[in-house]
Amino acid sequence: MEWKAGYDIGVDFIDKQHRQLVEIISRLEASLATDAENREMGSALKFLVDYTNQHFSEEEDFMLNASFPRYEKQKALHKDFIQQVIEVLLKLKRGESIRSREFIKFLTDWLVNHILDEDKKIAEFVAGQKINPTTKETALQEDAETEITNKLQKLKMLYEKKLINGDDFEAKKAAYLAKYSGGDNAGDVKDVGHKFSFLENLKNDRLITKEDEKEHKSIIINKIDLEAFLETIPEIEEKLLYLKSLFEDGFMAAEVYESHKSKLLMDL
């Protein structure tokens, strides 16, 4: 992975720390299938522990001092990322293997999506661009997601207290998720990564099952123009990794996977 000018948000210390993460990802990529792979993986995890403590703390202080209105949202995203890093560390402690390519994809997705979708809003706000069409649209989406989360929490509480039966619980849950994954803007390629993250968060919070998550990710994938979405991913390796993950997770048939892969390889 290489740093691109479009990743700069215009806040020097945040940009500098983001560049450090890109450098770590690049070193991990360069070490794949070499004797240095395990060493670089260990170094990356050690770096992330220090990085998340320093970077997130400084970024949150900056947002708080600037009275950034999405401070709580950003803080929650940071907490979720830290928890995912902790889970990787716990897996290693238990002696489980971690695939470097999957870890690279996890870091790359976080970095690109977080910078482009969240951190740039900090610079826009500080520069006085408090509301533009993008932030307004994102705010509406976040309101919808908060509403769905609250409804699912209440629904789960009613079910656990045996005030509704299992069929009613599943039917209402399915209706809430269908509205989210199959809505009018479901085919918007800009929102795919965000929608996937939201579904994963719902699963991690035990508001939906792994099967629910997979079903509604599949609905989203089938709604979008996949080629247009792949155009939003900068590097050919990242495109191929994403395609492979869709295929391995069962969101894509083998022949569709091979077709898209062949088209990408023609550009090499």
Protein backbone atom coordinates (compact mmCIF):
# COMPACT_ATOMS: atom_id res chain seq x y z
CA MET A 1 0.00 0.00 0.00
CA GLU A 2 1.24 3.48 -0.85
CA TRP A 3 0.21 6.83 0.59
CA LYS A 4 -1.96 8.86 -1.78
CA ALA A 5 -2.45 12.62 -1.72
CA GLY A 6 -6.19 12.05 -1.38
CA TYR A 7 -5.63 10.48 2.04
CA ASP A 8 -4.47 13.81 3.53
CA ILE A 9 -7.20 15.38 5.64
CA GLY A 10 -5.32 18.64 6.26
CA VAL A 11 -4.61 18.17 9.98
CA ASP A 12 -0.84 17.69 10.20
CA PHE A 13 -0.47 15.44 13.24
CA ILE A 14 -3.35 13.18 12.11
CA ASP A 15 -1.93 12.89 8.58
CA LYS A 16 1.52 12.08 10.00
CA GLN A 17 0.13 9.28 12.17
CA HIS A 18 -1.95 7.89 9.29
CA ARG A 19 1.23 7.76 7.19
CA GLN A 20 2.88 5.66 9.91
CA LEU A 21 0.10 3.11 9.61
CA VAL A 22 0.48 3.01 5.81
CA GLU A 23 4.20 2.34 6.28
CA ILE A 24 3.43 -0.60 8.59
CA ILE A 25 0.96 -2.04 6.06
CA SER A 26 3.55 -1.66 3.27
CA ARG A 27 6.17 -3.51 5.32
CA LEU A 28 3.73 -6.32 6.03
CA GLU A 29 2.87 -6.61 2.33
CA ALA A 30 6.55 -6.73 1.39
CA SER A 31 7.19 -9.51 3.92
CA LEU A 32 4.52 -11.90 2.59
CA ALA A 33 5.87 -15.38 1.80
CA THR A 34 9.32 -14.45 3.17
CA ASP A 35 11.22 -15.38 6.32
CA ALA A 36 10.40 -11.93 7.69
CA GLU A 37 6.60 -12.41 7.61
CA ASN A 38 6.15 -13.57 11.22
CA ARG A 39 8.57 -10.93 12.51
CA GLU A 40 6.78 -8.13 10.66
CA MET A 41 3.42 -9.41 11.88
CA GLY A 42 4.67 -9.24 15.47
CA SER A 43 6.09 -5.76 14.91
CA ALA A 44 2.82 -4.59 13.36
CA LEU A 45 0.78 -5.78 16.33
CA LYS A 46 3.17 -4.17 18.82
CA PHE A 47 2.99 -0.94 16.82
CA LEU A 48 -0.82 -1.05 16.77
CA VAL A 49 -1.05 -1.29 20.55
CA ASP A 50 1.04 1.90 20.94
CA TYR A 51 -0.55 3.53 17.89
CA THR A 52 -4.15 3.13 18.99
CA ASN A 53 -3.39 4.46 22.46
CA GLN A 54 -1.56 7.55 21.17
CA HIS A 55 -3.32 8.32 17.89
CA PHE A 56 -6.87 7.83 19.07
CA SER A 57 -6.26 9.71 22.31
CA GLU A 58 -4.73 12.71 20.51
CA GLU A 59 -7.39 12.67 17.78
CA GLU A 60 -10.20 12.51 20.35
CA ASP A 61 -8.67 15.40 22.34
CA PHE A 62 -8.46 17.43 19.11
CA MET A 63 -12.11 16.74 18.27
CA LEU A 64 -13.24 17.54 21.80
CA ASN A 65 -11.36 20.84 21.86
CA ALA A 66 -12.82 21.75 18.45
CA SER A 67 -16.36 20.86 19.65
CA PHE A 68 -16.63 18.42 16.76
CA PRO A 69 -20.29 17.25 16.69
CA ARG A 70 -19.43 13.66 15.72
CA TYR A 71 -17.01 13.18 18.60
CA GLU A 72 -19.03 10.36 20.22
CA LYS A 73 -19.42 8.57 16.87
CA GLN A 74 -15.66 8.73 16.23
CA LYS A 75 -14.88 7.60 19.75
CA ALA A 76 -17.16 4.57 19.31
CA LEU A 77 -15.43 3.66 16.02
CA HIS A 78 -12.03 3.91 17.72
CA LYS A 79 -13.23 1.66 20.55
CA ASP A 80 -14.47 -0.91 18.03
CA PHE A 81 -11.11 -0.92 16.20
CA ILE A 82 -9.20 -1.36 19.47
CA GLN A 83 -11.44 -4.30 20.39
CA GLN A 84 -10.73 -5.98 17.05
CA VAL A 85 -6.97 -5.56 17.57
CA ILE A 86 -7.32 -7.04 21.06
CA GLU A 87 -9.16 -10.04 19.59
CA VAL A 88 -6.25 -10.65 17.18
CA LEU A 89 -3.79 -10.50 20.07
CA LEU A 90 -5.89 -12.94 22.11
CA LYS A 91 -5.99 -15.37 19.18
CA LEU A 92 -2.20 -15.30 19.00
CA LYS A 93 -1.95 -15.77 22.75
CA ARG A 94 -4.17 -18.87 22.43
CA GLY A 95 -1.80 -20.21 19.77
CA GLU A 96 -4.20 -19.64 16.86
CA SER A 97 -2.72 -18.66 13.52
CA ILE A 98 -3.48 -15.30 11.91
CA ARG A 99 -3.36 -14.99 8.13
CA SER A 100 -1.21 -11.99 7.22
CA ARG A 101 -3.21 -11.19 4.09
CA GLU A 102 -6.45 -11.04 6.07
CA PHE A 103 -4.81 -8.81 8.67
CA ILE A 104 -3.50 -6.52 5.91
CA LYS A 105 -7.00 -6.28 4.43
CA PHE A 106 -8.42 -5.48 7.87
CA LEU A 107 -5.92 -2.65 8.36
CA THR A 108 -6.30 -1.33 4.79
CA ASP A 109 -10.10 -1.31 4.97
CA TRP A 110 -10.00 0.49 8.29
CA LEU A 111 -7.48 3.07 7.11
CA VAL A 112 -9.08 3.93 3.77
CA ASN A 113 -12.70 3.84 4.95
CA HIS A 114 -12.00 5.70 8.19
CA ILE A 115 -9.95 8.47 6.55
CA LEU A 116 -12.28 8.99 3.60
CA ASP A 117 -15.55 8.51 5.47
CA GLU A 118 -14.84 9.90 8.94
CA ASP A 119 -11.58 11.77 9.51
CA LYS A 120 -12.08 14.16 6.58
CA LYS A 121 -15.20 15.41 8.33
CA ILE A 122 -12.96 16.68 11.13
CA ALA A 123 -10.97 18.85 8.71
CA GLU A 124 -14.18 20.03 7.00
CA PHE A 125 -15.64 21.07 10.33
CA VAL A 126 -12.51 22.82 11.54
CA ALA A 127 -12.29 24.65 8.19
CA GLY A 128 -15.82 25.92 8.69
CA GLN A 129 -17.50 23.53 6.25
CA LYS A 130 -19.83 22.22 8.89
CA ILE A 131 -22.55 20.97 6.55
CA ASN A 132 -22.06 19.88 2.96
CA PRO A 133 -24.12 17.40 0.91
CA THR A 134 -21.85 14.49 1.93
CA THR A 135 -21.95 15.12 5.68
CA LYS A 136 -25.70 15.78 5.59
CA GLU A 137 -26.29 12.49 3.75
CA THR A 138 -24.03 10.64 6.20
CA ALA A 139 -25.84 12.18 9.16
CA LEU A 140 -29.18 10.91 7.82
CA GLN A 141 -27.71 7.43 7.35
CA GLU A 142 -26.32 7.40 10.88
CA ASP A 143 -29.71 8.46 12.25
CA ALA A 144 -31.30 5.53 10.41
CA GLU A 145 -28.67 3.13 11.78
CA THR A 146 -29.18 4.41 15.33
CA GLU A 147 -32.92 3.84 14.92
CA ILE A 148 -32.38 0.26 13.68
CA THR A 149 -29.94 -0.48 16.51
CA ASN A 150 -32.38 0.83 19.12
CA LYS A 151 -35.23 -1.20 17.63
CA LEU A 152 -33.15 -4.38 17.59
CA GLN A 153 -32.10 -3.84 21.21
CA LYS A 154 -35.72 -3.38 22.28
CA LEU A 155 -36.82 -6.37 20.20
CA LYS A 156 -34.15 -8.59 21.76
CA MET A 157 -35.19 -7.45 25.24
CA LEU A 158 -38.84 -8.31 24.55
CA TYR A 159 -37.84 -11.75 23.28
CA GLU A 160 -35.54 -12.49 26.22
CA LYS A 161 -38.35 -11.53 28.62
CA LYS A 162 -40.64 -13.91 26.68
CA LEU A 163 -43.05 -11.09 25.81
CA ILE A 164 -42.88 -12.07 22.12
CA ASN A 165 -42.32 -15.50 20.58
CA GLY A 166 -39.50 -16.63 18.33
CA ASP A 167 -41.44 -16.26 15.08
CA ASP A 168 -42.40 -12.65 15.86
CA PHE A 169 -38.83 -11.90 16.91
CA GLU A 170 -37.35 -13.26 13.66
CA ALA A 171 -40.01 -11.60 11.48
CA LYS A 172 -39.52 -8.15 12.98
CA LYS A 173 -35.73 -8.48 12.91
CA ALA A 174 -35.84 -9.48 9.25
CA ALA A 175 -38.04 -6.46 8.44
CA TYR A 176 -35.63 -4.02 10.09
CA LEU A 177 -32.63 -5.50 8.30
CA ALA A 178 -34.40 -5.66 4.92
CA LYS A 179 -35.16 -1.95 5.16
CA TYR A 180 -31.45 -1.28 5.73
CA SER A 181 -29.84 -3.64 3.23
CA GLY A 182 -32.45 -3.34 0.48
CA GLY A 183 -33.36 0.36 0.71
CA ASP A 184 -33.40 2.89 -2.11
CA ASN A 185 -29.69 3.73 -1.73
CA ALA A 186 -28.58 0.10 -1.29
CA GLY A 187 -26.81 0.18 -4.65
CA ASP A 188 -24.64 3.19 -3.76
CA VAL A 189 -21.06 1.92 -4.06
CA LYS A 190 -19.80 4.56 -1.60
CA ASP A 191 -21.77 2.96 1.22
CA VAL A 192 -20.80 -0.70 0.85
CA GLY A 193 -17.87 -0.71 3.30
CA HIS A 194 -19.85 1.33 5.81
CA LYS A 195 -22.91 -0.92 5.56
CA PHE A 196 -20.77 -4.04 5.96
CA SER A 197 -19.15 -2.53 9.08
CA PHE A 198 -22.57 -1.68 10.53
CA LEU A 199 -23.81 -5.25 10.03
CA GLU A 200 -20.61 -6.61 11.59
CA ASN A 201 -21.11 -4.32 14.59
CA LEU A 202 -24.68 -5.57 15.01
CA LYS A 203 -23.36 -9.15 14.95
CA ASN A 204 -20.58 -8.35 17.43
CA ASP A 205 -23.15 -6.76 19.74
CA ARG A 206 -25.21 -9.97 19.42
CA LEU A 207 -28.20 -8.14 17.98
CA ILE A 208 -28.10 -10.29 14.84
CA THR A 209 -26.61 -13.70 14.07
CA LYS A 210 -23.73 -14.59 11.76
CA GLU A 211 -26.34 -15.97 9.34
CA ASP A 212 -28.26 -12.66 9.41
CA GLU A 213 -25.06 -10.76 8.70
CA LYS A 214 -24.14 -13.01 5.78
CA GLU A 215 -27.64 -12.89 4.28
CA HIS A 216 -27.84 -9.10 4.28
CA LYS A 217 -24.29 -8.59 3.08
CA SER A 218 -25.27 -10.81 0.15
CA ILE A 219 -28.31 -8.61 -0.54
CA ILE A 220 -26.09 -5.51 -0.58
CA ILE A 221 -23.53 -7.14 -2.89
CA ASN A 222 -26.28 -8.18 -5.31
CA LYS A 223 -27.65 -4.62 -5.35
CA ILE A 224 -24.45 -2.82 -6.30
CA ASP A 225 -22.53 -2.48 -9.54
CA LEU A 226 -19.54 -4.55 -8.42
CA GLU A 227 -17.24 -3.23 -11.15
CA ALA A 228 -18.03 0.35 -10.11
CA PHE A 229 -17.34 -0.59 -6.50
CA LEU A 230 -13.99 -2.16 -7.37
CA GLU A 231 -13.05 1.12 -9.07
CA THR A 232 -13.20 2.79 -5.65
CA ILE A 233 -10.41 0.46 -4.39
CA PRO A 234 -7.04 1.95 -5.41
CA GLU A 235 -4.65 -1.01 -5.76
CA ILE A 236 -5.01 -4.13 -7.94
CA GLU A 237 -3.93 -6.38 -5.06
CA GLU A 238 -6.57 -4.86 -2.79
CA LYS A 239 -9.21 -5.39 -5.49
CA LEU A 240 -8.22 -9.05 -5.86
CA LEU A 241 -8.14 -9.57 -2.09
CA TYR A 242 -11.62 -8.11 -1.79
CA LEU A 243 -12.96 -10.30 -4.61
CA LYS A 244 -11.37 -13.35 -3.01
CA SER A 245 -12.95 -12.55 0.36
CA LEU A 246 -16.39 -12.26 -1.26
CA PHE A 247 -15.91 -15.63 -2.95
CA GLU A 248 -14.56 -17.37 0.17
CA ASP A 249 -17.36 -15.96 2.33
CA GLY A 250 -19.94 -17.36 -0.08
CA PHE A 251 -21.19 -14.05 -1.50
CA MET A 252 -20.07 -14.86 -5.03
CA ALA A 253 -20.24 -17.92 -7.30
CA ALA A 254 -16.96 -19.36 -8.61
CA GLU A 255 -17.68 -18.41 -12.22
CA VAL A 256 -18.54 -14.82 -11.26
CA TYR A 257 -15.38 -14.59 -9.18
CA GLU A 258 -13.22 -15.88 -12.05
CA SER A 259 -14.89 -13.49 -14.51
CA HIS A 260 -14.23 -10.39 -12.39
CA LYS A 261 -10.71 -11.56 -11.62
CA SER A 262 -9.95 -12.00 -15.33
CA LYS A 263 -11.16 -8.46 -16.07
CA LEU A 264 -8.91 -7.04 -13.37
CA LEU A 265 -5.88 -8.98 -14.60
CA MET A 266 -6.38 -7.55 -18.09
CA ASP A 267 -5.49 -4.13 -16.64
CA LEU A 268 -2.06 -5.31 -15.45
